[in-house]
Amino acid sequence: MKFVKSKLSHQILEYHSISLGQFYFLKNIIVAEINEGVHVDFNASKEFISLIIDFYGTEKPIGYICNRVNNFSISPLDYPKFNRSLPNLTIFGIVHNNHFDRMNYEIEKRFCNKPYKAFSDLYTAFSQVSNFIINVSKRLDITKGKSIVENNPLN
């Protein structure tokens, strides 16, 4: 299922369609749908990385969900470059739609030094990635000596 057809699409704050694919920026999650046949490496991703930094900065914890609705290739050897460019990217979530995507995930996760999780649907991916980011944010608040209660936007 494409992200815009999901019940989560109302959370889109910004949308970008570039040669690499479609990118949906939510409060603290990026949902990516890479275009069919594209090869994703660090050089091909520079525009995308720039958009992320412009929107989120480099300190706010964020998560990335790749909704694999198309077939594409990725250079897992470039994961260290992605991680250095986006130090606030705390988790990768991959929504796989078939056995081949799942096999690719098993290989790719070995090259990433951040949590790299597979999901069979967008809703579970969104829930799990959101929870992970909330926990990371809480730990950051504690280490900065801030009260989580004081930082709670619901107060």
Protein backbone atom coordinates (compact mmCIF):
# COMPACT_ATOMS: atom_id res chain seq x y z
CA MET A 1 0.00 0.00 0.00
CA LYS A 2 1.28 3.44 -0.88
CA PHE A 3 1.64 5.78 2.07
CA VAL A 4 -0.75 8.42 0.69
CA LYS A 5 -3.51 5.78 0.59
CA SER A 6 -2.96 4.81 4.23
CA LYS A 7 -4.79 6.13 7.28
CA LEU A 8 -1.50 7.69 8.35
CA SER A 9 -1.32 10.13 5.44
CA HIS A 10 -3.04 12.93 7.41
CA GLN A 11 0.22 13.24 9.36
CA ILE A 12 2.20 14.46 6.34
CA LEU A 13 3.78 17.84 7.10
CA GLU A 14 5.85 18.12 3.94
CA TYR A 15 6.10 16.14 0.70
CA HIS A 16 8.92 15.91 -1.85
CA SER A 17 8.98 14.13 -5.17
CA ILE A 18 12.53 13.97 -6.54
CA SER A 19 14.33 11.66 -8.96
CA LEU A 20 15.05 9.21 -6.11
CA GLY A 21 11.40 8.84 -5.11
CA GLN A 22 8.54 10.20 -3.00
CA PHE A 23 9.31 11.38 0.52
CA TYR A 24 6.81 12.18 3.23
CA PHE A 25 8.02 14.16 6.24
CA LEU A 26 6.00 13.62 9.40
CA LYS A 27 6.63 15.02 12.88
CA ASN A 28 9.63 12.77 13.55
CA ILE A 29 9.48 10.15 10.80
CA ILE A 30 10.40 10.16 7.15
CA VAL A 31 8.49 7.74 4.93
CA ALA A 32 10.26 6.98 1.67
CA GLU A 33 8.94 5.29 -1.44
CA ILE A 34 11.91 4.87 -3.76
CA ASN A 35 11.15 4.95 -7.48
CA GLU A 36 11.14 1.79 -9.59
CA GLY A 37 14.57 0.77 -10.91
CA VAL A 38 16.55 3.44 -9.03
CA HIS A 39 19.95 2.63 -7.53
CA VAL A 40 20.29 4.26 -4.11
CA ASP A 41 23.79 5.22 -3.05
CA PHE A 42 25.20 8.16 -1.14
CA ASN A 43 25.74 10.36 -4.21
CA ALA A 44 22.21 9.76 -5.51
CA SER A 45 20.86 10.61 -2.04
CA LYS A 46 22.52 14.00 -1.49
CA GLU A 47 19.42 15.99 -2.45
CA PHE A 48 17.29 13.83 -0.16
CA ILE A 49 19.76 14.23 2.72
CA SER A 50 19.73 17.99 2.24
CA LEU A 51 15.92 18.04 2.41
CA ILE A 52 16.03 16.04 5.65
CA ILE A 53 18.55 18.39 7.27
CA ASP A 54 16.58 21.46 6.13
CA PHE A 55 13.37 20.09 7.65
CA TYR A 56 14.54 18.28 10.80
CA GLY A 57 18.01 19.69 11.50
CA THR A 58 20.69 17.36 12.88
CA GLU A 59 19.73 17.06 16.55
CA LYS A 60 16.05 16.10 16.76
CA PRO A 61 15.77 12.28 16.84
CA ILE A 62 14.06 10.98 13.71
CA GLY A 63 13.23 7.63 12.16
CA TYR A 64 13.17 6.46 8.57
CA ILE A 65 10.63 4.06 7.09
CA CYS A 66 11.23 2.75 3.59
CA ASN A 67 7.94 1.55 2.17
CA ARG A 68 9.16 -0.83 -0.52
CA VAL A 69 6.35 -0.54 -3.02
CA ASN A 70 8.80 -0.55 -5.96
CA ASN A 71 11.86 -2.57 -6.93
CA PHE A 72 15.16 -0.75 -6.55
CA SER A 73 18.73 -1.44 -5.49
CA ILE A 74 20.76 0.03 -2.69
CA SER A 75 24.46 0.21 -1.89
CA PRO A 76 24.68 -1.01 1.71
CA LEU A 77 28.36 -0.06 1.82
CA ASP A 78 27.19 3.57 1.92
CA TYR A 79 25.32 3.17 5.23
CA PRO A 80 28.25 4.63 7.22
CA LYS A 81 28.11 7.77 5.03
CA PHE A 82 24.35 8.08 5.60
CA ASN A 83 24.86 7.67 9.35
CA ARG A 84 27.55 10.37 9.47
CA SER A 85 25.42 12.79 7.42
CA LEU A 86 22.32 12.22 9.56
CA PRO A 87 23.51 11.70 13.15
CA ASN A 88 19.96 12.18 14.45
CA LEU A 89 18.58 9.29 12.39
CA THR A 90 17.97 6.76 15.15
CA ILE A 91 16.23 3.84 13.42
CA PHE A 92 15.64 2.39 9.97
CA GLY A 93 12.34 0.62 9.33
CA ILE A 94 11.80 -1.40 6.18
CA VAL A 95 8.31 -2.39 5.05
CA HIS A 96 8.78 -5.45 2.87
CA ASN A 97 6.10 -6.60 0.49
CA ASN A 98 7.57 -9.89 -0.69
CA HIS A 99 10.15 -12.56 0.07
CA PHE A 100 12.82 -10.88 -2.09
CA ASP A 101 12.52 -7.62 -0.11
CA ARG A 102 12.85 -9.59 3.12
CA MET A 103 16.02 -11.29 1.83
CA ASN A 104 17.49 -7.91 0.87
CA TYR A 105 16.68 -6.62 4.35
CA GLU A 106 18.61 -9.52 5.92
CA ILE A 107 21.71 -8.56 3.92
CA GLU A 108 21.38 -4.77 4.31
CA LYS A 109 20.97 -4.81 8.09
CA ARG A 110 24.47 -6.23 8.45
CA PHE A 111 25.92 -2.98 7.08
CA CYS A 112 24.00 -0.57 9.31
CA ASN A 113 25.18 0.26 12.83
CA LYS A 114 21.79 1.64 13.88
CA PRO A 115 18.62 -0.33 14.60
CA TYR A 116 17.38 -1.73 11.28
CA LYS A 117 13.98 -3.40 11.56
CA ALA A 118 11.70 -5.18 9.09
CA PHE A 119 7.92 -4.92 9.09
CA SER A 120 5.20 -6.47 6.96
CA ASP A 121 2.92 -3.40 7.02
CA LEU A 122 3.06 0.38 7.33
CA TYR A 123 0.98 0.58 10.49
CA THR A 124 3.23 -1.70 12.51
CA ALA A 125 6.31 0.06 11.14
CA PHE A 126 4.91 3.45 12.08
CA SER A 127 3.93 2.31 15.58
CA GLN A 128 7.26 0.63 16.35
CA VAL A 129 9.43 3.40 14.87
CA SER A 130 7.40 6.05 16.72
CA ASN A 131 7.79 4.22 20.02
CA PHE A 132 11.52 3.83 19.46
CA ILE A 133 11.92 7.57 18.79
CA ILE A 134 9.87 8.47 21.87
CA ASN A 135 12.15 6.30 24.02
CA VAL A 136 15.28 7.82 22.46
CA SER A 137 13.89 11.32 23.06
CA LYS A 138 13.16 10.48 26.71
CA ARG A 139 16.71 9.22 27.22
CA LEU A 140 18.11 12.38 25.63
CA ASP A 141 15.98 14.57 27.89
CA ILE A 142 17.21 12.70 30.96
CA THR A 143 20.86 12.98 29.93
CA LYS A 144 20.47 16.72 29.37
CA GLY A 145 19.16 17.07 32.91
CA LYS A 146 15.69 18.07 31.78
CA SER A 147 12.53 16.79 33.30
CA ILE A 148 10.48 14.70 30.90
CA VAL A 149 7.34 16.06 32.57
CA GLU A 150 8.46 19.66 31.89
CA ASN A 151 9.15 18.82 28.24
CA ASN A 152 5.84 17.05 27.70
CA PRO A 153 3.88 19.07 25.10
CA LEU A 154 0.64 17.78 26.64
CA ASN A 155 1.26 19.69 29.88
